[in-house]
Each structure stands twice: as C-alpha cells, then as structure tokens.
Amino acid sequence: VECVVTVNNGLQLSYDSSSNDESEVEAVSGNNEVLGPHVDARILDKDVLIRIHCKKQKGLLLKVLFEIQKLHLFVVNSSVLPFGDSILDITIVAQVKNTRTINL
C-alpha cells in the first residue's frame, strides 16, 4: 500500500492511499507563482521518499533532517540541488526505524 501526501504552505492539498495516479495539486497565486514551500512525501512499507521545493535559507537542511529524525526515520540518502539563485530542491530517502506508525 502506497501513501502519498502533498503539502503546500502547511495545508494538506492531496492525499491518495490507493491509487498510483501521480496527479498533484498546487496552490497558486493570481500570477501563477507557487506559494511557499511544497512538500511531497511518499510512503511504501518502511521506505519514505520526501521532496521539498522551497526558498533557499541558511541552515535549512539541518532543520529538515532534525525534524525527520524526530519522526523516528533513518535517512538513507539525501540531495540538495539549487534551482536558480533562490530555490532549493531537497530529496530525502528514509526508512522507518521501527514498525510504529508514522504520524505526518
């Protein structure tokens, strides 16, 4: 069973636990620019894939990794790619440390 959660500006925009459909919903302003950070998390068994698109901020990756650790996840791999001068694309692959449920 795959679980997909997409979050934009702290609001849950889409949730799909039964479909393999990759449709995404994004909040956009009147001039078609994406508002705030965009987070996409996919969970499959004990594996978790997290993608974050956000404004570049000093120390942001450290904060994100700390929050992931608080969710009892073990980071297997991570990458941070700059997009232009002010945007970051963060991809993290993690695994659940134990069999307890993840609360997103």
PDB file of N, CA and C in Angstrom:
ATOM      1  N   VAL A   1       0.844  -1.175   0.000  1.00  0.00           N
ATOM      2  CA  VAL A   1       0.000   0.000   0.000  1.00  0.00           C
ATOM      3  C   VAL A   1       0.885   1.231   0.000  1.00  0.00           C
ATOM      4  N   GLU A   2       0.638   2.124  -0.913  1.00  0.00           N
ATOM      5  CA  GLU A   2       1.405   3.361  -1.007  1.00  0.00           C
ATOM      6  C   GLU A   2       0.571   4.511  -0.478  1.00  0.00           C
ATOM      7  N   CYS A   3       1.204   5.401   0.246  1.00  0.00           N
ATOM      8  CA  CYS A   3       0.546   6.581   0.783  1.00  0.00           C
ATOM      9  C   CYS A   3       1.251   7.805   0.213  1.00  0.00           C
ATOM     10  N   VAL A   4       0.494   8.757  -0.296  1.00  0.00           N
ATOM     11  CA  VAL A   4       1.067   9.972  -0.868  1.00  0.00           C
ATOM     12  C   VAL A   4       0.457  11.164  -0.160  1.00  0.00           C
ATOM     13  N   VAL A   5       1.311  12.052   0.335  1.00  0.00           N
ATOM     14  CA  VAL A   5       0.848  13.266   0.984  1.00  0.00           C
ATOM     15  C   VAL A   5       1.550  14.442   0.334  1.00  0.00           C
ATOM     16  N   THR A   6       0.803  15.431  -0.105  1.00  0.00           N
ATOM     17  CA  THR A   6       1.362  16.639  -0.683  1.00  0.00           C
ATOM     18  C   THR A   6       0.951  17.818   0.174  1.00  0.00           C
ATOM     19  N   VAL A   7       1.928  18.616   0.580  1.00  0.00           N
ATOM     20  CA  VAL A   7       1.660  19.753   1.456  1.00  0.00           C
ATOM     21  C   VAL A   7       2.237  21.009   0.815  1.00  0.00           C
ATOM     22  N   ASN A   8       1.468  22.086   0.846  1.00  0.00           N
ATOM     23  CA  ASN A   8       1.920  23.363   0.317  1.00  0.00           C
ATOM     24  C   ASN A   8       1.464  24.435   1.286  1.00  0.00           C
ATOM     25  N   ASN A   9       2.382  25.246   1.796  1.00  0.00           N
ATOM     26  CA  ASN A   9       2.067  26.300   2.768  1.00  0.00           C
ATOM     27  C   ASN A   9       1.448  25.747   4.047  1.00  0.00           C
ATOM     28  N   GLY A  10       1.819  24.542   4.447  1.00  0.00           N
ATOM     29  CA  GLY A  10       1.296  23.969   5.663  1.00  0.00           C
ATOM     30  C   GLY A  10      -0.097  23.392   5.538  1.00  0.00           C
ATOM     31  N   LEU A  11      -0.686  23.411   4.348  1.00  0.00           N
ATOM     32  CA  LEU A  11      -2.021  22.866   4.150  1.00  0.00           C
ATOM     33  C   LEU A  11      -1.944  21.562   3.377  1.00  0.00           C
ATOM     34  N   GLN A  12      -2.697  20.571   3.781  1.00  0.00           N
ATOM     35  CA  GLN A  12      -2.738  19.320   3.030  1.00  0.00           C
ATOM     36  C   GLN A  12      -3.601  19.537   1.805  1.00  0.00           C
ATOM     37  N   LEU A  13      -3.013  19.323   0.645  1.00  0.00           N
ATOM     38  CA  LEU A  13      -3.743  19.564  -0.585  1.00  0.00           C
ATOM     39  C   LEU A  13      -4.248  18.298  -1.234  1.00  0.00           C
ATOM     40  N   SER A  14      -3.480  17.216  -1.135  1.00  0.00           N
ATOM     41  CA  SER A  14      -3.956  15.975  -1.722  1.00  0.00           C
ATOM     42  C   SER A  14      -3.461  14.803  -0.907  1.00  0.00           C
ATOM     43  N   TYR A  15      -4.251  13.758  -0.875  1.00  0.00           N
ATOM     44  CA  TYR A  15      -3.899  12.548  -0.148  1.00  0.00           C
ATOM     45  C   TYR A  15      -4.467  11.380  -0.912  1.00  0.00           C
ATOM     46  N   ASP A  16      -3.632  10.404  -1.236  1.00  0.00           N
ATOM     47  CA  ASP A  16      -4.084   9.258  -2.016  1.00  0.00           C
ATOM     48  C   ASP A  16      -3.400   8.017  -1.494  1.00  0.00           C
ATOM     49  N   SER A  17      -4.147   7.109  -0.900  1.00  0.00           N
ATOM     50  CA  SER A  17      -3.539   5.899  -0.351  1.00  0.00           C
ATOM     51  C   SER A  17      -3.844   4.662  -1.184  1.00  0.00           C
ATOM     52  N   SER A  18      -4.596   4.810  -2.270  1.00  0.00           N
ATOM     53  CA  SER A  18      -4.965   3.624  -3.032  1.00  0.00           C
ATOM     54  C   SER A  18      -4.592   3.685  -4.507  1.00  0.00           C
ATOM     55  N   SER A  19      -4.336   4.860  -5.019  1.00  0.00           N
ATOM     56  CA  SER A  19      -4.104   4.996  -6.450  1.00  0.00           C
ATOM     57  C   SER A  19      -2.636   5.211  -6.753  1.00  0.00           C
ATOM     58  N   ASN A  20      -2.201   4.761  -7.927  1.00  0.00           N
ATOM     59  CA  ASN A  20      -0.849   5.026  -8.388  1.00  0.00           C
ATOM     60  C   ASN A  20      -0.812   6.276  -9.244  1.00  0.00           C
ATOM     61  N   ASP A  21      -1.915   6.998  -9.299  1.00  0.00           N
ATOM     62  CA  ASP A  21      -2.007   8.215 -10.095  1.00  0.00           C
ATOM     63  C   ASP A  21      -1.060   9.268  -9.549  1.00  0.00           C
ATOM     64  N   GLU A  22      -0.294   9.904 -10.412  1.00  0.00           N
ATOM     65  CA  GLU A  22       0.703  10.872  -9.994  1.00  0.00           C
ATOM     66  C   GLU A  22       0.183  12.302 -10.064  1.00  0.00           C
ATOM     67  N   SER A  23      -1.136  12.493 -10.103  1.00  0.00           N
ATOM     68  CA  SER A  23      -1.658  13.846 -10.195  1.00  0.00           C
ATOM     69  C   SER A  23      -1.318  14.623  -8.930  1.00  0.00           C
ATOM     70  N   GLU A  24      -0.953  15.886  -9.111  1.00  0.00           N
ATOM     71  CA  GLU A  24      -0.587  16.729  -7.989  1.00  0.00           C
ATOM     72  C   GLU A  24      -1.471  17.963  -7.998  1.00  0.00           C
ATOM     73  N   VAL A  25      -1.692  18.498  -6.819  1.00  0.00           N
ATOM     74  CA  VAL A  25      -2.461  19.717  -6.674  1.00  0.00           C
ATOM     75  C   VAL A  25      -1.527  20.748  -6.069  1.00  0.00           C
ATOM     76  N   GLU A  26      -1.504  21.950  -6.618  1.00  0.00           N
ATOM     77  CA  GLU A  26      -0.668  23.008  -6.079  1.00  0.00           C
ATOM     78  C   GLU A  26      -1.507  24.268  -5.921  1.00  0.00           C
ATOM     79  N   ALA A  27      -1.229  25.010  -4.851  1.00  0.00           N
ATOM     80  CA  ALA A  27      -1.881  26.301  -4.669  1.00  0.00           C
ATOM     81  C   ALA A  27      -1.074  27.328  -5.434  1.00  0.00           C
ATOM     82  N   VAL A  28      -1.751  28.134  -6.224  1.00  0.00           N
ATOM     83  CA  VAL A  28      -1.045  29.167  -6.987  1.00  0.00           C
ATOM     84  C   VAL A  28      -1.702  30.511  -6.737  1.00  0.00           C
ATOM     85  N   SER A  29      -0.891  31.547  -6.810  1.00  0.00           N
ATOM     86  CA  SER A  29      -1.422  32.891  -6.659  1.00  0.00           C
ATOM     87  C   SER A  29      -2.010  33.338  -7.985  1.00  0.00           C
ATOM     88  N   GLY A  30      -2.565  34.540  -8.019  1.00  0.00           N
ATOM     89  CA  GLY A  30      -3.174  35.058  -9.228  1.00  0.00           C
ATOM     90  C   GLY A  30      -2.207  35.168 -10.397  1.00  0.00           C
ATOM     91  N   ASN A  31      -0.907  35.338 -10.128  1.00  0.00           N
ATOM     92  CA  ASN A  31       0.052  35.459 -11.230  1.00  0.00           C
ATOM     93  C   ASN A  31       0.786  34.148 -11.490  1.00  0.00           C
ATOM     94  N   ASN A  32       0.190  33.006 -11.101  1.00  0.00           N
ATOM     95  CA  ASN A  32       0.691  31.656 -11.382  1.00  0.00           C
ATOM     96  C   ASN A  32       2.031  31.317 -10.742  1.00  0.00           C
ATOM     97  N   GLU A  33       2.408  31.981  -9.650  1.00  0.00           N
ATOM     98  CA  GLU A  33       3.623  31.550  -8.978  1.00  0.00           C
ATOM     99  C   GLU A  33       3.245  30.700  -7.765  1.00  0.00           C
ATOM    100  N   VAL A  34       4.014  29.644  -7.528  1.00  0.00           N
ATOM    101  CA  VAL A  34       3.704  28.716  -6.447  1.00  0.00           C
ATOM    102  C   VAL A  34       3.921  29.413  -5.115  1.00  0.00           C
ATOM    103  N   LEU A  35       2.986  29.243  -4.188  1.00  0.00           N
ATOM    104  CA  LEU A  35       3.057  29.883  -2.884  1.00  0.00           C
ATOM    105  C   LEU A  35       3.846  29.024  -1.898  1.00  0.00           C
ATOM    106  N   GLY A  36       4.867  29.577  -1.271  1.00  0.00           N
ATOM    107  CA  GLY A  36       5.587  28.936  -0.179  1.00  0.00           C
ATOM    108  C   GLY A  36       6.227  27.608  -0.518  1.00  0.00           C
ATOM    109  N   PRO A  37       6.674  26.892   0.514  1.00  0.00           N
ATOM    110  CA  PRO A  37       7.318  25.592   0.284  1.00  0.00           C
ATOM    111  C   PRO A  37       6.322  24.540  -0.184  1.00  0.00           C
ATOM    112  N   HIS A  38       6.812  23.609  -0.979  1.00  0.00           N
ATOM    113  CA  HIS A  38       5.998  22.499  -1.467  1.00  0.00           C
ATOM    114  C   HIS A  38       6.663  21.210  -0.996  1.00  0.00           C
ATOM    115  N   VAL A  39       5.917  20.374  -0.267  1.00  0.00           N
ATOM    116  CA  VAL A  39       6.453  19.120   0.277  1.00  0.00           C
ATOM    117  C   VAL A  39       5.625  17.966  -0.252  1.00  0.00           C
ATOM    118  N   ASP A  40       6.319  16.951  -0.776  1.00  0.00           N
ATOM    119  CA  ASP A  40       5.665  15.742  -1.276  1.00  0.00           C
ATOM    120  C   ASP A  40       6.301  14.559  -0.568  1.00  0.00           C
ATOM    121  N   ALA A  41       5.511  13.758   0.141  1.00  0.00           N
ATOM    122  CA  ALA A  41       6.028  12.584   0.854  1.00  0.00           C
ATOM    123  C   ALA A  41       5.308  11.341   0.356  1.00  0.00           C
ATOM    124  N   ARG A  42       6.081  10.324   0.051  1.00  0.00           N
ATOM    125  CA  ARG A  42       5.529   9.043  -0.391  1.00  0.00           C
ATOM    126  C   ARG A  42       6.038   7.964   0.559  1.00  0.00           C
ATOM    127  N   ILE A  43       5.131   7.112   1.007  1.00  0.00           N
ATOM    128  CA  ILE A  43       5.472   6.045   1.947  1.00  0.00           C
ATOM    129  C   ILE A  43       5.075   4.719   1.332  1.00  0.00           C
ATOM    130  N   LEU A  44       6.010   3.799   1.292  1.00  0.00           N
ATOM    131  CA  LEU A  44       5.765   2.464   0.769  1.00  0.00           C
ATOM    132  C   LEU A  44       6.440   1.479   1.717  1.00  0.00           C
ATOM    133  N   ASP A  45       5.654   0.726   2.462  1.00  0.00           N
ATOM    134  CA  ASP A  45       6.164  -0.170   3.508  1.00  0.00           C
ATOM    135  C   ASP A  45       7.000   0.643   4.489  1.00  0.00           C
ATOM    136  N   LYS A  46       8.312   0.339   4.608  1.00  0.00           N
ATOM    137  CA  LYS A  46       9.175   1.068   5.548  1.00  0.00           C
ATOM    138  C   LYS A  46       9.973   2.181   4.868  1.00  0.00           C
ATOM    139  N   ASP A  47       9.771   2.375   3.570  1.00  0.00           N
ATOM    140  CA  ASP A  47      10.527   3.372   2.820  1.00  0.00           C
ATOM    141  C   ASP A  47       9.731   4.668   2.695  1.00  0.00           C
ATOM    142  N   VAL A  48      10.445   5.787   2.815  1.00  0.00           N
ATOM    143  CA  VAL A  48       9.825   7.103   2.721  1.00  0.00           C
ATOM    144  C   VAL A  48      10.636   7.955   1.753  1.00  0.00           C
ATOM    145  N   LEU A  49       9.953   8.577   0.797  1.00  0.00           N
ATOM    146  CA  LEU A  49      10.584   9.499  -0.139  1.00  0.00           C
ATOM    147  C   LEU A  49       9.993  10.877   0.119  1.00  0.00           C
ATOM    148  N   ILE A  50      10.858  11.846   0.423  1.00  0.00           N
ATOM    149  CA  ILE A  50      10.417  13.202   0.724  1.00  0.00           C
ATOM    150  C   ILE A  50      11.053  14.153  -0.280  1.00  0.00           C
ATOM    151  N   ARG A  51      10.228  14.970  -0.919  1.00  0.00           N
ATOM    152  CA  ARG A  51      10.736  16.000  -1.834  1.00  0.00           C
ATOM    153  C   ARG A  51      10.244  17.350  -1.339  1.00  0.00           C
ATOM    154  N   ILE A  52      11.161  18.304  -1.256  1.00  0.00           N
ATOM    155  CA  ILE A  52      10.829  19.641  -0.778  1.00  0.00           C
ATOM    156  C   ILE A  52      11.348  20.666  -1.792  1.00  0.00           C
ATOM    157  N   HIS A  53      10.488  21.564  -2.216  1.00  0.00           N
ATOM    158  CA  HIS A  53      10.869  22.695  -3.067  1.00  0.00           C
ATOM    159  C   HIS A  53      10.587  23.947  -2.243  1.00  0.00           C
ATOM    160  N   CYS A  54      11.633  24.741  -1.987  1.00  0.00           N
ATOM    161  CA  CYS A  54      11.450  25.889  -1.106  1.00  0.00           C
ATOM    162  C   CYS A  54      12.476  26.971  -1.410  1.00  0.00           C
ATOM    163  N   LYS A  55      12.308  28.111  -0.745  1.00  0.00           N
ATOM    164  CA  LYS A  55      13.271  29.193  -0.855  1.00  0.00           C
ATOM    165  C   LYS A  55      14.554  28.794  -0.149  1.00  0.00           C
ATOM    166  N   LYS A  56      15.678  29.219  -0.694  1.00  0.00           N
ATOM    167  CA  LYS A  56      16.980  28.936  -0.115  1.00  0.00           C
ATOM    168  C   LYS A  56      17.121  29.690   1.207  1.00  0.00           C
ATOM    169  N   GLN A  57      17.480  28.942   2.273  1.00  0.00           N
ATOM    170  CA  GLN A  57      17.680  29.534   3.593  1.00  0.00           C
ATOM    171  C   GLN A  57      18.889  28.888   4.246  1.00  0.00           C
ATOM    172  N   LYS A  58      19.661  29.667   4.943  1.00  0.00           N
ATOM    173  CA  LYS A  58      20.834  29.145   5.627  1.00  0.00           C
ATOM    174  C   LYS A  58      20.400  28.193   6.742  1.00  0.00           C
ATOM    175  N   GLY A  59      21.011  26.999   6.799  1.00  0.00           N
ATOM    176  CA  GLY A  59      20.722  26.026   7.844  1.00  0.00           C
ATOM    177  C   GLY A  59      19.445  25.236   7.656  1.00  0.00           C
ATOM    178  N   LEU A  60      18.797  25.385   6.506  1.00  0.00           N
ATOM    179  CA  LEU A  60      17.508  24.724   6.285  1.00  0.00           C
ATOM    180  C   LEU A  60      17.625  23.204   6.274  1.00  0.00           C
ATOM    181  N   LEU A  61      18.637  22.661   5.593  1.00  0.00           N
ATOM    182  CA  LEU A  61      18.775  21.200   5.516  1.00  0.00           C
ATOM    183  C   LEU A  61      18.948  20.596   6.903  1.00  0.00           C
ATOM    184  N   LEU A  62      19.725  21.235   7.753  1.00  0.00           N
ATOM    185  CA  LEU A  62      19.917  20.741   9.116  1.00  0.00           C
ATOM    186  C   LEU A  62      18.593  20.695   9.874  1.00  0.00           C
ATOM    187  N   LYS A  63      17.770  21.725   9.709  1.00  0.00           N
ATOM    188  CA  LYS A  63      16.459  21.762  10.363  1.00  0.00           C
ATOM    189  C   LYS A  63      15.563  20.639   9.845  1.00  0.00           C
ATOM    190  N   VAL A  64      15.578  20.426   8.528  1.00  0.00           N
ATOM    191  CA  VAL A  64      14.748  19.373   7.917  1.00  0.00           C
ATOM    192  C   VAL A  64      15.182  18.000   8.420  1.00  0.00           C
ATOM    193  N   LEU A  65      16.490  17.737   8.436  1.00  0.00           N
ATOM    194  CA  LEU A  65      16.992  16.443   8.902  1.00  0.00           C
ATOM    195  C   LEU A  65      16.669  16.213  10.377  1.00  0.00           C
ATOM    196  N   PHE A  66      16.710  17.263  11.192  1.00  0.00           N
ATOM    197  CA  PHE A  66      16.350  17.148  12.604  1.00  0.00           C
ATOM    198  C   PHE A  66      14.878  16.765  12.760  1.00  0.00           C
ATOM    199  N   GLU A  67      14.002  17.394  11.971  1.00  0.00           N
ATOM    200  CA  GLU A  67      12.576  17.081  12.039  1.00  0.00           C
ATOM    201  C   GLU A  67      12.298  15.644  11.587  1.00  0.00           C
ATOM    202  N   ILE A  68      13.024  15.187  10.580  1.00  0.00           N
ATOM    203  CA  ILE A  68      12.867  13.811  10.107  1.00  0.00           C
ATOM    204  C   ILE A  68      13.274  12.828  11.198  1.00  0.00           C
ATOM    205  N   GLN A  69      14.354  13.139  11.898  1.00  0.00           N
ATOM    206  CA  GLN A  69      14.813  12.286  12.991  1.00  0.00           C
ATOM    207  C   GLN A  69      13.766  12.215  14.112  1.00  0.00           C
ATOM    208  N   LYS A  70      13.075  13.318  14.375  1.00  0.00           N
ATOM    209  CA  LYS A  70      12.026  13.344  15.399  1.00  0.00           C
ATOM    210  C   LYS A  70      10.858  12.435  15.040  1.00  0.00           C
ATOM    211  N   LEU A  71      10.701  12.142  13.732  1.00  0.00           N
ATOM    212  CA  LEU A  71       9.635  11.239  13.276  1.00  0.00           C
ATOM    213  C   LEU A  71      10.074   9.777  13.305  1.00  0.00           C
ATOM    214  N   HIS A  72      11.237   9.500  13.911  1.00  0.00           N
ATOM    215  CA  HIS A  72      11.790   8.149  14.019  1.00  0.00           C
ATOM    216  C   HIS A  72      12.100   7.551  12.646  1.00  0.00           C
ATOM    217  N   LEU A  73      12.654   8.386  11.774  1.00  0.00           N
ATOM    218  CA  LEU A  73      13.082   7.947  10.447  1.00  0.00           C
ATOM    219  C   LEU A  73      14.605   7.966  10.382  1.00  0.00           C
ATOM    220  N   PHE A  74      15.169   7.025   9.644  1.00  0.00           N
ATOM    221  CA  PHE A  74      16.606   6.919   9.417  1.00  0.00           C
ATOM    222  C   PHE A  74      16.886   7.356   7.987  1.00  0.00           C
ATOM    223  N   VAL A  75      17.678   8.413   7.807  1.00  0.00           N
ATOM    224  CA  VAL A  75      17.970   8.944   6.481  1.00  0.00           C
ATOM    225  C   VAL A  75      18.957   8.031   5.772  1.00  0.00           C
ATOM    226  N   VAL A  76      18.564   7.502   4.622  1.00  0.00           N
ATOM    227  CA  VAL A  76      19.399   6.622   3.815  1.00  0.00           C
ATOM    228  C   VAL A  76      20.211   7.438   2.814  1.00  0.00           C
ATOM    229  N   ASN A  77      19.573   8.457   2.218  1.00  0.00           N
ATOM    230  CA  ASN A  77      20.229   9.266   1.203  1.00  0.00           C
ATOM    231  C   ASN A  77      19.547  10.630   1.157  1.00  0.00           C
ATOM    232  N   SER A  78      20.312  11.655   0.813  1.00  0.00           N
ATOM    233  CA  SER A  78      19.720  12.975   0.641  1.00  0.00           C
ATOM    234  C   SER A  78      20.494  13.748  -0.415  1.00  0.00           C
ATOM    235  N   SER A  79      19.798  14.630  -1.103  1.00  0.00           N
ATOM    236  CA  SER A  79      20.459  15.503  -2.065  1.00  0.00           C
ATOM    237  C   SER A  79      19.793  16.868  -2.027  1.00  0.00           C
ATOM    238  N   VAL A  80      20.597  17.883  -2.224  1.00  0.00           N
ATOM    239  CA  VAL A  80      20.102  19.251  -2.256  1.00  0.00           C
ATOM    240  C   VAL A  80      20.633  19.884  -3.531  1.00  0.00           C
ATOM    241  N   LEU A  81      19.731  20.342  -4.369  1.00  0.00           N
ATOM    242  CA  LEU A  81      20.114  20.969  -5.633  1.00  0.00           C
ATOM    243  C   LEU A  81      19.572  22.388  -5.678  1.00  0.00           C
ATOM    244  N   PRO A  82      20.431  23.354  -5.987  1.00  0.00           N
ATOM    245  CA  PRO A  82      19.924  24.714  -6.162  1.00  0.00           C
ATOM    246  C   PRO A  82      19.220  24.838  -7.504  1.00  0.00           C
ATOM    247  N   PHE A  83      18.172  25.615  -7.536  1.00  0.00           N
ATOM    248  CA  PHE A  83      17.470  25.914  -8.779  1.00  0.00           C
ATOM    249  C   PHE A  83      17.415  27.428  -8.880  1.00  0.00           C
ATOM    250  N   GLY A  84      18.213  27.983  -9.754  1.00  0.00           N
ATOM    251  CA  GLY A  84      18.344  29.431  -9.813  1.00  0.00           C
ATOM    252  C   GLY A  84      19.111  29.932  -8.600  1.00  0.00           C
ATOM    253  N   ASP A  85      18.900  31.192  -8.256  1.00  0.00           N
ATOM    254  CA  ASP A  85      19.629  31.790  -7.142  1.00  0.00           C
ATOM    255  C   ASP A  85      18.915  31.664  -5.797  1.00  0.00           C
ATOM    256  N   SER A  86      17.625  31.347  -5.810  1.00  0.00           N
ATOM    257  CA  SER A  86      16.894  31.420  -4.546  1.00  0.00           C
ATOM    258  C   SER A  86      16.037  30.206  -4.210  1.00  0.00           C
ATOM    259  N   ILE A  87      16.068  29.138  -5.021  1.00  0.00           N
ATOM    260  CA  ILE A  87      15.206  27.974  -4.797  1.00  0.00           C
ATOM    261  C   ILE A  87      16.062  26.740  -4.534  1.00  0.00           C
ATOM    262  N   LEU A  88      15.601  25.882  -3.623  1.00  0.00           N
ATOM    263  CA  LEU A  88      16.249  24.600  -3.347  1.00  0.00           C
ATOM    264  C   LEU A  88      15.298  23.459  -3.667  1.00  0.00           C
ATOM    265  N   ASP A  89      15.857  22.387  -4.188  1.00  0.00           N
ATOM    266  CA  ASP A  89      15.131  21.136  -4.398  1.00  0.00           C
ATOM    267  C   ASP A  89      15.808  20.100  -3.506  1.00  0.00           C
ATOM    268  N   ILE A  90      15.130  19.694  -2.434  1.00  0.00           N
ATOM    269  CA  ILE A  90      15.677  18.745  -1.465  1.00  0.00           C
ATOM    270  C   ILE A  90      14.963  17.414  -1.646  1.00  0.00           C
ATOM    271  N   THR A  91      15.739  16.340  -1.822  1.00  0.00           N
ATOM    272  CA  THR A  91      15.181  14.990  -1.927  1.00  0.00           C
ATOM    273  C   THR A  91      15.817  14.136  -0.848  1.00  0.00           C
ATOM    274  N   ILE A  92      14.974  13.459  -0.068  1.00  0.00           N
ATOM    275  CA  ILE A  92      15.448  12.625   1.035  1.00  0.00           C
ATOM    276  C   ILE A  92      14.790  11.257   0.937  1.00  0.00           C
ATOM    277  N   VAL A  93      15.605  10.210   1.033  1.00  0.00           N
ATOM    278  CA  VAL A  93      15.109   8.839   1.129  1.00  0.00           C
ATOM    279  C   VAL A  93      15.384   8.381   2.557  1.00  0.00           C
ATOM    280  N   ALA A  94      14.357   7.898   3.222  1.00  0.00           N
ATOM    281  CA  ALA A  94      14.493   7.475   4.619  1.00  0.00           C
ATOM    282  C   ALA A  94      13.753   6.160   4.822  1.00  0.00           C
ATOM    283  N   GLN A  95      14.033   5.542   5.972  1.00  0.00           N
ATOM    284  CA  GLN A  95      13.334   4.317   6.356  1.00  0.00           C
ATOM    285  C   GLN A  95      12.848   4.453   7.793  1.00  0.00           C
ATOM    286  N   VAL A  96      11.742   3.794   8.068  1.00  0.00           N
ATOM    287  CA  VAL A  96      11.184   3.793   9.412  1.00  0.00           C
ATOM    288  C   VAL A  96      12.095   2.963  10.308  1.00  0.00           C
ATOM    289  N   LYS A  97      12.472   3.529  11.469  1.00  0.00           N
ATOM    290  CA  LYS A  97      13.370   2.829  12.389  1.00  0.00           C
ATOM    291  C   LYS A  97      12.696   1.627  13.031  1.00  0.00           C
ATOM    292  N   ASN A  98      11.421   1.738  13.300  1.00  0.00           N
ATOM    293  CA  ASN A  98      10.686   0.619  13.894  1.00  0.00           C
ATOM    294  C   ASN A  98       9.338   0.481  13.203  1.00  0.00           C
ATOM    295  N   THR A  99       8.538  -0.439  13.643  1.00  0.00           N
ATOM    296  CA  THR A  99       7.269  -0.728  12.969  1.00  0.00           C
ATOM    297  C   THR A  99       6.117   0.143  13.431  1.00  0.00           C
ATOM    298  N   ARG A 100       6.387   1.134  14.299  1.00  0.00           N
ATOM    299  CA  ARG A 100       5.333   2.031  14.746  1.00  0.00           C
ATOM    300  C   ARG A 100       4.837   2.892  13.597  1.00  0.00           C
ATOM    301  N   THR A 101       3.636   3.370  13.686  1.00  0.00           N
ATOM    302  CA  THR A 101       3.031   4.186  12.635  1.00  0.00           C
ATOM    303  C   THR A 101       3.679   5.559  12.596  1.00  0.00           C
ATOM    304  N   ILE A 102       3.865   6.081  11.386  1.00  0.00           N
ATOM    305  CA  ILE A 102       4.381   7.434  11.200  1.00  0.00           C
ATOM    306  C   ILE A 102       3.224   8.400  11.250  1.00  0.00           C
ATOM    307  N   ASN A 103       3.349   9.452  12.064  1.00  0.00           N
ATOM    308  CA  ASN A 103       2.331  10.486  12.135  1.00  0.00           C
ATOM    309  C   ASN A 103       2.812  11.691  11.376  1.00  0.00           C
ATOM    310  N   LEU A 104       2.261  11.926  10.189  1.00  0.00           N
ATOM    311  CA  LEU A 104       2.648  13.091   9.383  1.00  0.00           C
ATOM    312  C   LEU A 104       1.764  14.256   9.682  1.00  0.00           C
TER     313      LEU A 104
END
